[in-house]
Amino acid sequence: MFRMPSFILLFFLTANLSANMDYWQGIAEEIQQYIDRASAQYAAGQPKAAKRTVMQAYFSVFEDRKMEAALRMERGAAYAYQMEERFSDLRKAIQQGAEVQAVQRLAEALKTAVHRDGKLLDQAGIRPNVFEVE
């Protein structure tokens, strides 16, 4: 029977752990890219595209990639709802034709919160599949 030397096993375990240590920050960066794109679209006079991009950030990344569920587990349902409201506030501002600066302020606040949350979730060791049982 083949036995893997312990230093190789340690390398693979460490590599897997470090790969998961910045998972949520990667998700946060992806959301930030969507929000940047939406902000640029809105500033360029493309409100429908901007609204669609914000919705993609929420549904395709924040919700679908389980960041919302991870925040619900780590910070509680009320906090997860507050984050959901931030996405909604940005979408509504775009839909209502708010000033570009107001949309940009909401976008920056959302990006800051998502960045902070990604870091927090990684530091807490929340797994990418938050529903996985150990």
N, C-alpha and C. Protein backbone atom coordinates (compact mmCIF):
# COMPACT_ATOMS: atom_id res chain seq x y z
N MET A 1 0.84 -1.18 0.00
CA MET A 1 0.00 0.00 0.00
C MET A 1 0.88 1.25 0.00
N PHE A 2 0.53 2.20 -0.85
CA PHE A 2 1.29 3.44 -0.96
C PHE A 2 0.91 4.39 0.17
N ARG A 3 1.93 4.91 0.83
CA ARG A 3 1.70 5.91 1.87
C ARG A 3 2.32 7.22 1.42
N MET A 4 1.53 8.25 1.44
CA MET A 4 2.01 9.56 1.05
C MET A 4 2.86 10.12 2.19
N PRO A 5 4.04 10.64 1.87
CA PRO A 5 4.85 11.25 2.92
C PRO A 5 4.07 12.38 3.59
N SER A 6 4.26 12.53 4.88
CA SER A 6 3.48 13.49 5.65
C SER A 6 3.66 14.93 5.19
N PHE A 7 4.85 15.28 4.71
CA PHE A 7 5.05 16.66 4.26
C PHE A 7 4.23 16.95 3.00
N ILE A 8 4.03 15.94 2.14
CA ILE A 8 3.20 16.14 0.95
C ILE A 8 1.74 16.27 1.36
N LEU A 9 1.30 15.42 2.27
CA LEU A 9 -0.06 15.50 2.76
C LEU A 9 -0.32 16.86 3.41
N LEU A 10 0.63 17.33 4.20
CA LEU A 10 0.50 18.64 4.84
C LEU A 10 0.40 19.75 3.79
N PHE A 11 1.20 19.63 2.72
CA PHE A 11 1.15 20.62 1.65
C PHE A 11 -0.25 20.69 1.04
N PHE A 12 -0.84 19.53 0.70
CA PHE A 12 -2.16 19.52 0.09
C PHE A 12 -3.23 20.04 1.04
N LEU A 13 -3.15 19.69 2.31
CA LEU A 13 -4.12 20.19 3.28
C LEU A 13 -4.00 21.70 3.44
N THR A 14 -2.77 22.20 3.51
CA THR A 14 -2.53 23.64 3.65
C THR A 14 -2.99 24.38 2.40
N ALA A 15 -2.70 23.83 1.22
CA ALA A 15 -3.12 24.47 -0.03
C ALA A 15 -4.63 24.55 -0.10
N ASN A 16 -5.33 23.49 0.29
CA ASN A 16 -6.79 23.48 0.27
C ASN A 16 -7.35 24.48 1.27
N LEU A 17 -6.77 24.54 2.45
CA LEU A 17 -7.22 25.49 3.47
C LEU A 17 -7.01 26.92 3.01
N SER A 18 -5.83 27.22 2.46
CA SER A 18 -5.57 28.60 2.03
C SER A 18 -6.44 28.98 0.85
N ALA A 19 -6.79 28.00 -0.01
CA ALA A 19 -7.67 28.29 -1.13
C ALA A 19 -9.05 28.70 -0.63
N ASN A 20 -9.50 28.12 0.48
CA ASN A 20 -10.81 28.46 1.03
C ASN A 20 -10.77 29.70 1.90
N MET A 21 -9.58 30.13 2.33
CA MET A 21 -9.48 31.27 3.24
C MET A 21 -9.87 32.58 2.58
N ASP A 22 -9.79 32.66 1.26
CA ASP A 22 -10.16 33.89 0.58
C ASP A 22 -11.34 33.69 -0.37
N TYR A 23 -12.09 32.64 -0.15
CA TYR A 23 -13.25 32.35 -1.00
C TYR A 23 -14.26 33.50 -0.98
N TRP A 24 -14.67 33.92 0.19
CA TRP A 24 -15.71 34.95 0.29
C TRP A 24 -15.21 36.30 -0.18
N GLN A 25 -13.92 36.57 -0.01
CA GLN A 25 -13.37 37.81 -0.54
C GLN A 25 -13.42 37.80 -2.07
N GLY A 26 -13.23 36.63 -2.66
CA GLY A 26 -13.37 36.50 -4.11
C GLY A 26 -14.80 36.76 -4.56
N ILE A 27 -15.76 36.26 -3.81
CA ILE A 27 -17.17 36.51 -4.11
C ILE A 27 -17.46 38.01 -3.98
N ALA A 28 -16.93 38.61 -2.92
CA ALA A 28 -17.12 40.05 -2.70
C ALA A 28 -16.55 40.85 -3.88
N GLU A 29 -15.38 40.46 -4.35
CA GLU A 29 -14.77 41.17 -5.49
C GLU A 29 -15.62 41.03 -6.74
N GLU A 30 -16.20 39.87 -6.94
CA GLU A 30 -17.07 39.66 -8.09
C GLU A 30 -18.31 40.57 -8.00
N ILE A 31 -18.88 40.66 -6.82
CA ILE A 31 -20.03 41.55 -6.62
C ILE A 31 -19.61 43.00 -6.86
N GLN A 32 -18.45 43.38 -6.35
CA GLN A 32 -17.97 44.74 -6.54
C GLN A 32 -17.79 45.08 -8.03
N GLN A 33 -17.35 44.12 -8.81
CA GLN A 33 -17.22 44.34 -10.25
C GLN A 33 -18.57 44.59 -10.91
N TYR A 34 -19.57 43.83 -10.50
CA TYR A 34 -20.92 44.06 -11.02
C TYR A 34 -21.41 45.46 -10.63
N ILE A 35 -21.18 45.84 -9.38
CA ILE A 35 -21.65 47.14 -8.91
C ILE A 35 -20.92 48.27 -9.64
N ASP A 36 -19.62 48.11 -9.86
CA ASP A 36 -18.86 49.10 -10.63
C ASP A 36 -19.44 49.24 -12.05
N ARG A 37 -19.75 48.10 -12.66
CA ARG A 37 -20.31 48.11 -14.01
C ARG A 37 -21.67 48.81 -14.00
N ALA A 38 -22.50 48.51 -13.01
CA ALA A 38 -23.82 49.14 -12.93
C ALA A 38 -23.69 50.65 -12.76
N SER A 39 -22.77 51.06 -11.92
CA SER A 39 -22.55 52.49 -11.69
C SER A 39 -22.10 53.19 -12.98
N ALA A 40 -21.21 52.55 -13.71
CA ALA A 40 -20.73 53.11 -14.98
C ALA A 40 -21.86 53.15 -16.01
N GLN A 41 -22.67 52.10 -16.05
CA GLN A 41 -23.80 52.08 -16.98
C GLN A 41 -24.77 53.20 -16.67
N TYR A 42 -25.04 53.41 -15.39
CA TYR A 42 -25.98 54.45 -15.01
C TYR A 42 -25.42 55.83 -15.39
N ALA A 43 -24.14 56.04 -15.09
CA ALA A 43 -23.51 57.33 -15.42
C ALA A 43 -23.49 57.58 -16.93
N ALA A 44 -23.48 56.48 -17.72
CA ALA A 44 -23.48 56.60 -19.17
C ALA A 44 -24.90 56.71 -19.75
N GLY A 45 -25.90 56.83 -18.88
CA GLY A 45 -27.27 57.00 -19.34
C GLY A 45 -27.95 55.70 -19.75
N GLN A 46 -27.54 54.60 -19.12
CA GLN A 46 -28.12 53.29 -19.42
C GLN A 46 -28.77 52.71 -18.16
N PRO A 47 -29.86 53.31 -17.68
CA PRO A 47 -30.46 52.86 -16.43
C PRO A 47 -30.99 51.43 -16.47
N LYS A 48 -31.55 51.01 -17.60
CA LYS A 48 -32.07 49.64 -17.67
C LYS A 48 -30.94 48.62 -17.54
N ALA A 49 -29.84 48.87 -18.20
CA ALA A 49 -28.69 47.97 -18.11
C ALA A 49 -28.13 47.99 -16.68
N ALA A 50 -28.08 49.17 -16.08
CA ALA A 50 -27.57 49.29 -14.71
C ALA A 50 -28.43 48.52 -13.72
N LYS A 51 -29.74 48.65 -13.87
CA LYS A 51 -30.67 47.93 -13.00
C LYS A 51 -30.49 46.42 -13.16
N ARG A 52 -30.38 45.97 -14.40
CA ARG A 52 -30.18 44.55 -14.67
C ARG A 52 -28.87 44.05 -14.06
N THR A 53 -27.83 44.85 -14.13
CA THR A 53 -26.53 44.47 -13.58
C THR A 53 -26.58 44.36 -12.06
N VAL A 54 -27.28 45.26 -11.40
CA VAL A 54 -27.45 45.17 -9.94
C VAL A 54 -28.21 43.89 -9.59
N MET A 55 -29.23 43.58 -10.36
CA MET A 55 -29.99 42.37 -10.10
C MET A 55 -29.13 41.12 -10.31
N GLN A 56 -28.25 41.15 -11.30
CA GLN A 56 -27.33 40.03 -11.51
C GLN A 56 -26.38 39.89 -10.33
N ALA A 57 -25.89 41.02 -9.82
CA ALA A 57 -24.99 40.98 -8.66
C ALA A 57 -25.68 40.31 -7.48
N TYR A 58 -26.93 40.65 -7.30
CA TYR A 58 -27.68 40.08 -6.17
C TYR A 58 -28.03 38.61 -6.41
N PHE A 59 -28.76 38.34 -7.49
CA PHE A 59 -29.29 36.99 -7.70
C PHE A 59 -28.22 35.99 -8.15
N SER A 60 -27.34 36.40 -9.06
CA SER A 60 -26.37 35.46 -9.62
C SER A 60 -25.13 35.27 -8.75
N VAL A 61 -24.85 36.22 -7.89
CA VAL A 61 -23.65 36.09 -7.07
C VAL A 61 -24.00 36.06 -5.58
N PHE A 62 -24.51 37.15 -5.04
CA PHE A 62 -24.77 37.25 -3.61
C PHE A 62 -25.67 36.13 -3.11
N GLU A 63 -26.75 35.90 -3.81
CA GLU A 63 -27.70 34.87 -3.37
C GLU A 63 -27.30 33.48 -3.88
N ASP A 64 -27.06 33.36 -5.18
CA ASP A 64 -26.79 32.06 -5.77
C ASP A 64 -25.49 31.42 -5.27
N ARG A 65 -24.49 32.23 -4.98
CA ARG A 65 -23.20 31.69 -4.52
C ARG A 65 -23.16 31.60 -3.00
N LYS A 66 -24.29 31.81 -2.36
CA LYS A 66 -24.54 31.56 -0.93
C LYS A 66 -23.91 32.55 0.04
N MET A 67 -23.53 33.74 -0.45
CA MET A 67 -22.99 34.72 0.49
C MET A 67 -24.09 35.20 1.44
N GLU A 68 -25.29 35.34 0.93
CA GLU A 68 -26.40 35.76 1.78
C GLU A 68 -26.63 34.72 2.89
N ALA A 69 -26.62 33.44 2.52
CA ALA A 69 -26.82 32.37 3.51
C ALA A 69 -25.68 32.35 4.53
N ALA A 70 -24.46 32.57 4.07
CA ALA A 70 -23.31 32.60 4.98
C ALA A 70 -23.43 33.75 5.96
N LEU A 71 -23.87 34.91 5.49
CA LEU A 71 -24.06 36.05 6.39
C LEU A 71 -25.19 35.79 7.37
N ARG A 72 -26.21 35.13 6.90
CA ARG A 72 -27.33 34.78 7.79
C ARG A 72 -26.82 33.89 8.93
N MET A 73 -25.96 32.94 8.60
CA MET A 73 -25.40 32.05 9.62
C MET A 73 -24.46 32.79 10.57
N GLU A 74 -23.61 33.64 10.01
CA GLU A 74 -22.56 34.29 10.81
C GLU A 74 -23.04 35.55 11.53
N ARG A 75 -23.86 36.37 10.85
CA ARG A 75 -24.26 37.66 11.42
C ARG A 75 -25.72 37.72 11.82
N GLY A 76 -26.52 36.75 11.36
CA GLY A 76 -27.93 36.73 11.72
C GLY A 76 -28.83 37.19 10.59
N ALA A 77 -30.10 36.84 10.71
CA ALA A 77 -31.09 37.13 9.68
C ALA A 77 -31.30 38.63 9.49
N ALA A 78 -31.28 39.39 10.57
CA ALA A 78 -31.51 40.83 10.46
C ALA A 78 -30.40 41.49 9.64
N TYR A 79 -29.18 41.08 9.86
CA TYR A 79 -28.07 41.66 9.09
C TYR A 79 -28.16 41.25 7.62
N ALA A 80 -28.46 39.99 7.36
CA ALA A 80 -28.59 39.53 5.98
C ALA A 80 -29.68 40.32 5.27
N TYR A 81 -30.76 40.62 5.97
CA TYR A 81 -31.84 41.42 5.40
C TYR A 81 -31.36 42.85 5.10
N GLN A 82 -30.54 43.41 5.99
CA GLN A 82 -29.98 44.75 5.75
C GLN A 82 -29.15 44.78 4.47
N MET A 83 -28.38 43.72 4.26
CA MET A 83 -27.57 43.65 3.04
C MET A 83 -28.47 43.53 1.81
N GLU A 84 -29.51 42.74 1.92
CA GLU A 84 -30.47 42.62 0.83
C GLU A 84 -31.08 43.99 0.51
N GLU A 85 -31.38 44.75 1.55
CA GLU A 85 -31.95 46.09 1.38
C GLU A 85 -30.97 47.04 0.67
N ARG A 86 -29.68 46.87 0.91
CA ARG A 86 -28.69 47.72 0.23
C ARG A 86 -28.76 47.51 -1.29
N PHE A 87 -28.86 46.25 -1.70
CA PHE A 87 -29.00 45.96 -3.13
C PHE A 87 -30.30 46.58 -3.65
N SER A 88 -31.37 46.42 -2.89
CA SER A 88 -32.67 46.95 -3.28
C SER A 88 -32.65 48.47 -3.38
N ASP A 89 -32.02 49.13 -2.41
CA ASP A 89 -31.94 50.60 -2.43
C ASP A 89 -31.20 51.10 -3.67
N LEU A 90 -30.13 50.41 -4.04
CA LEU A 90 -29.38 50.80 -5.24
C LEU A 90 -30.25 50.61 -6.48
N ARG A 91 -30.90 49.47 -6.58
CA ARG A 91 -31.76 49.19 -7.73
C ARG A 91 -32.89 50.22 -7.82
N LYS A 92 -33.51 50.55 -6.68
CA LYS A 92 -34.61 51.53 -6.68
C LYS A 92 -34.12 52.92 -7.07
N ALA A 93 -32.95 53.31 -6.59
CA ALA A 93 -32.40 54.63 -6.95
C ALA A 93 -32.20 54.72 -8.46
N ILE A 94 -31.70 53.65 -9.03
CA ILE A 94 -31.50 53.61 -10.48
C ILE A 94 -32.85 53.69 -11.19
N GLN A 95 -33.78 52.90 -10.73
CA GLN A 95 -35.12 52.84 -11.35
C GLN A 95 -35.83 54.19 -11.26
N GLN A 96 -35.62 54.91 -10.17
CA GLN A 96 -36.31 56.19 -9.96
C GLN A 96 -35.58 57.37 -10.60
N GLY A 97 -34.44 57.11 -11.22
CA GLY A 97 -33.72 58.18 -11.90
C GLY A 97 -33.00 59.13 -10.96
N ALA A 98 -32.46 58.61 -9.88
CA ALA A 98 -31.73 59.44 -8.92
C ALA A 98 -30.51 60.07 -9.58
N GLU A 99 -29.98 61.11 -8.94
CA GLU A 99 -28.77 61.74 -9.45
C GLU A 99 -27.63 60.73 -9.46
N VAL A 100 -26.73 60.89 -10.43
CA VAL A 100 -25.61 59.97 -10.58
C VAL A 100 -24.80 59.87 -9.28
N GLN A 101 -24.58 61.00 -8.62
CA GLN A 101 -23.79 61.00 -7.38
C GLN A 101 -24.47 60.19 -6.29
N ALA A 102 -25.79 60.25 -6.23
CA ALA A 102 -26.53 59.48 -5.22
C ALA A 102 -26.40 57.98 -5.49
N VAL A 103 -26.49 57.60 -6.74
CA VAL A 103 -26.33 56.20 -7.11
C VAL A 103 -24.91 55.74 -6.79
N GLN A 104 -23.94 56.58 -7.10
CA GLN A 104 -22.54 56.23 -6.82
C GLN A 104 -22.28 56.08 -5.32
N ARG A 105 -22.91 56.93 -4.51
CA ARG A 105 -22.76 56.81 -3.05
C ARG A 105 -23.32 55.48 -2.55
N LEU A 106 -24.51 55.12 -3.04
CA LEU A 106 -25.11 53.84 -2.65
C LEU A 106 -24.24 52.67 -3.12
N ALA A 107 -23.72 52.78 -4.33
CA ALA A 107 -22.86 51.73 -4.89
C ALA A 107 -21.59 51.57 -4.05
N GLU A 108 -20.97 52.67 -3.68
CA GLU A 108 -19.74 52.61 -2.87
C GLU A 108 -20.02 52.03 -1.48
N ALA A 109 -21.13 52.42 -0.88
CA ALA A 109 -21.48 51.88 0.44
C ALA A 109 -21.72 50.37 0.36
N LEU A 110 -22.39 49.93 -0.69
CA LEU A 110 -22.63 48.50 -0.88
C LEU A 110 -21.31 47.76 -1.10
N LYS A 111 -20.45 48.31 -1.93
CA LYS A 111 -19.15 47.67 -2.18
C LYS A 111 -18.32 47.56 -0.90
N THR A 112 -18.34 48.61 -0.09
CA THR A 112 -17.60 48.60 1.18
C THR A 112 -18.14 47.52 2.10
N ALA A 113 -19.46 47.42 2.20
CA ALA A 113 -20.08 46.42 3.08
C ALA A 113 -19.78 45.00 2.59
N VAL A 114 -19.86 44.78 1.30
CA VAL A 114 -19.60 43.45 0.74
C VAL A 114 -18.14 43.06 0.96
N HIS A 115 -17.24 44.01 0.78
CA HIS A 115 -15.81 43.74 1.02
C HIS A 115 -15.57 43.35 2.48
N ARG A 116 -16.14 44.13 3.38
CA ARG A 116 -16.00 43.86 4.82
C ARG A 116 -16.57 42.48 5.16
N ASP A 117 -17.73 42.17 4.60
CA ASP A 117 -18.38 40.90 4.89
C ASP A 117 -17.60 39.71 4.32
N GLY A 118 -17.04 39.87 3.13
CA GLY A 118 -16.23 38.80 2.57
C GLY A 118 -15.05 38.47 3.46
N LYS A 119 -14.40 39.50 3.94
CA LYS A 119 -13.26 39.31 4.85
C LYS A 119 -13.71 38.63 6.15
N LEU A 120 -14.82 39.09 6.69
CA LEU A 120 -15.35 38.54 7.94
C LEU A 120 -15.70 37.05 7.79
N LEU A 121 -16.35 36.70 6.69
CA LEU A 121 -16.74 35.31 6.47
C LEU A 121 -15.52 34.40 6.31
N ASP A 122 -14.50 34.90 5.61
CA ASP A 122 -13.27 34.11 5.47
C ASP A 122 -12.59 33.93 6.83
N GLN A 123 -12.52 35.00 7.61
CA GLN A 123 -11.88 34.92 8.93
C GLN A 123 -12.64 33.99 9.86
N ALA A 124 -13.96 33.92 9.69
CA ALA A 124 -14.78 33.05 10.53
C ALA A 124 -14.69 31.59 10.08
N GLY A 125 -14.10 31.37 8.92
CA GLY A 125 -13.95 30.00 8.43
C GLY A 125 -15.24 29.40 7.87
N ILE A 126 -16.14 30.25 7.40
CA ILE A 126 -17.39 29.76 6.83
C ILE A 126 -17.08 29.08 5.49
N ARG A 127 -17.53 27.86 5.36
CA ARG A 127 -17.27 27.08 4.15
C ARG A 127 -18.04 27.64 2.96
N PRO A 128 -17.48 27.45 1.76
CA PRO A 128 -18.20 27.89 0.55
C PRO A 128 -19.59 27.25 0.44
N ASN A 129 -19.71 26.00 0.82
CA ASN A 129 -21.03 25.36 0.85
C ASN A 129 -21.53 25.43 2.29
N VAL A 130 -22.21 26.50 2.62
CA VAL A 130 -22.60 26.76 4.01
C VAL A 130 -23.54 25.71 4.58
N PHE A 131 -24.15 24.92 3.71
CA PHE A 131 -25.09 23.91 4.19
C PHE A 131 -24.45 22.55 4.39
N GLU A 132 -23.16 22.46 4.11
CA GLU A 132 -22.43 21.20 4.25
C GLU A 132 -22.28 20.83 5.72
N VAL A 133 -22.57 19.60 6.04
CA VAL A 133 -22.46 19.12 7.41
C VAL A 133 -21.09 18.46 7.58
N GLU A 134 -20.40 18.81 8.65
CA GLU A 134 -19.08 18.24 8.89
C GLU A 134 -19.17 16.83 9.42
